[in-house]
Amino acid sequence: MEWLLCYGLVGLLVMALENKLTGEVHGQQWEFYVATLCLFVVFALPGFIYHYDLKKLLNP
């Protein structure tokens, strides 16, 4: 749930930035959102693994 909430917040931030810079938000199909969600999960995974798995092993 936390990842979905962060994905939504980042999406809203990007839409607001796009609207401010270009004056409009370009519509996207569902494939765009699936691809960006997959990329979001892939790039967030190292931090998740560090926070919940490696931190305990590295800091005794």
C-alpha atoms as a PDB file:
ATOM      1  CA  MET A   1       0.000   0.000   0.000  1.00  0.00           C
ATOM      2  CA  GLU A   2       2.849   2.366   0.775  1.00  0.00           C
ATOM      3  CA  TRP A   3       4.310   1.922  -2.715  1.00  0.00           C
ATOM      4  CA  LEU A   4       0.938   2.608  -4.336  1.00  0.00           C
ATOM      5  CA  LEU A   5       0.484   5.726  -2.227  1.00  0.00           C
ATOM      6  CA  CYS A   6       3.972   6.972  -3.151  1.00  0.00           C
ATOM      7  CA  TYR A   7       3.345   6.113  -6.812  1.00  0.00           C
ATOM      8  CA  GLY A   8       0.129   8.143  -6.729  1.00  0.00           C
ATOM      9  CA  LEU A   9       1.807  11.107  -5.036  1.00  0.00           C
ATOM     10  CA  VAL A  10       4.691  11.083  -7.508  1.00  0.00           C
ATOM     11  CA  GLY A  11       2.189  10.819 -10.366  1.00  0.00           C
ATOM     12  CA  LEU A  12       0.247  13.822  -9.098  1.00  0.00           C
ATOM     13  CA  LEU A  13       3.465  15.806  -8.676  1.00  0.00           C
ATOM     14  CA  VAL A  14       4.561  14.960 -12.215  1.00  0.00           C
ATOM     15  CA  MET A  15       1.133  15.869 -13.638  1.00  0.00           C
ATOM     16  CA  ALA A  16       1.237  19.209 -11.833  1.00  0.00           C
ATOM     17  CA  LEU A  17       4.752  19.867 -13.120  1.00  0.00           C
ATOM     18  CA  GLU A  18       3.755  18.927 -16.670  1.00  0.00           C
ATOM     19  CA  ASN A  19       0.716  21.203 -16.476  1.00  0.00           C
ATOM     20  CA  LYS A  20       2.851  24.085 -15.231  1.00  0.00           C
ATOM     21  CA  LEU A  21       5.549  23.653 -17.877  1.00  0.00           C
ATOM     22  CA  THR A  22       3.457  22.833 -20.955  1.00  0.00           C
ATOM     23  CA  GLY A  23       0.039  24.200 -20.018  1.00  0.00           C
ATOM     24  CA  GLU A  24      -1.740  20.849 -20.384  1.00  0.00           C
ATOM     25  CA  VAL A  25      -1.566  17.248 -19.206  1.00  0.00           C
ATOM     26  CA  HIS A  26      -1.228  14.771 -22.049  1.00  0.00           C
ATOM     27  CA  GLY A  27      -3.554  11.794 -21.819  1.00  0.00           C
ATOM     28  CA  GLN A  28      -1.993   8.350 -21.576  1.00  0.00           C
ATOM     29  CA  GLN A  29      -3.251   4.830 -22.162  1.00  0.00           C
ATOM     30  CA  TRP A  30      -3.182   2.069 -19.542  1.00  0.00           C
ATOM     31  CA  GLU A  31       0.115   0.675 -20.875  1.00  0.00           C
ATOM     32  CA  PHE A  32       1.932   3.842 -19.802  1.00  0.00           C
ATOM     33  CA  TYR A  33       0.727   3.507 -16.215  1.00  0.00           C
ATOM     34  CA  VAL A  34       1.599  -0.196 -16.034  1.00  0.00           C
ATOM     35  CA  ALA A  35       5.105   0.474 -17.372  1.00  0.00           C
ATOM     36  CA  THR A  36       5.715   3.382 -14.963  1.00  0.00           C
ATOM     37  CA  LEU A  37       4.401   1.338 -12.026  1.00  0.00           C
ATOM     38  CA  CYS A  38       6.801  -1.492 -12.912  1.00  0.00           C
ATOM     39  CA  LEU A  39       9.697   0.966 -13.163  1.00  0.00           C
ATOM     40  CA  PHE A  40       8.684   2.524  -9.834  1.00  0.00           C
ATOM     41  CA  VAL A  41       8.756  -0.900  -8.163  1.00  0.00           C
ATOM     42  CA  VAL A  42      12.107  -1.822  -9.734  1.00  0.00           C
ATOM     43  CA  PHE A  43      13.766   1.429  -8.651  1.00  0.00           C
ATOM     44  CA  ALA A  44      12.237   1.302  -5.146  1.00  0.00           C
ATOM     45  CA  LEU A  45      13.244  -2.304  -4.481  1.00  0.00           C
ATOM     46  CA  PRO A  46      16.901  -1.667  -3.453  1.00  0.00           C
ATOM     47  CA  GLY A  47      15.802   0.824  -0.797  1.00  0.00           C
ATOM     48  CA  PHE A  48      13.131  -1.572   0.446  1.00  0.00           C
ATOM     49  CA  ILE A  49      15.622  -4.440   0.692  1.00  0.00           C
ATOM     50  CA  TYR A  50      18.143  -2.237   2.504  1.00  0.00           C
ATOM     51  CA  HIS A  51      15.580  -0.901   4.946  1.00  0.00           C
ATOM     52  CA  TYR A  52      13.970  -4.206   5.903  1.00  0.00           C
ATOM     53  CA  ASP A  53      16.686  -6.840   5.324  1.00  0.00           C
ATOM     54  CA  LEU A  54      20.233  -5.491   5.088  1.00  0.00           C
ATOM     55  CA  LYS A  55      20.011  -2.842   7.801  1.00  0.00           C
ATOM     56  CA  LYS A  56      19.634  -5.554  10.470  1.00  0.00           C
ATOM     57  CA  LEU A  57      22.581  -7.532   9.124  1.00  0.00           C
ATOM     58  CA  LEU A  58      24.943  -4.576   8.654  1.00  0.00           C
ATOM     59  CA  ASN A  59      24.216  -2.838  11.971  1.00  0.00           C
ATOM     60  CA  PRO A  60      24.511  -5.429  14.762  1.00  0.00           C
END
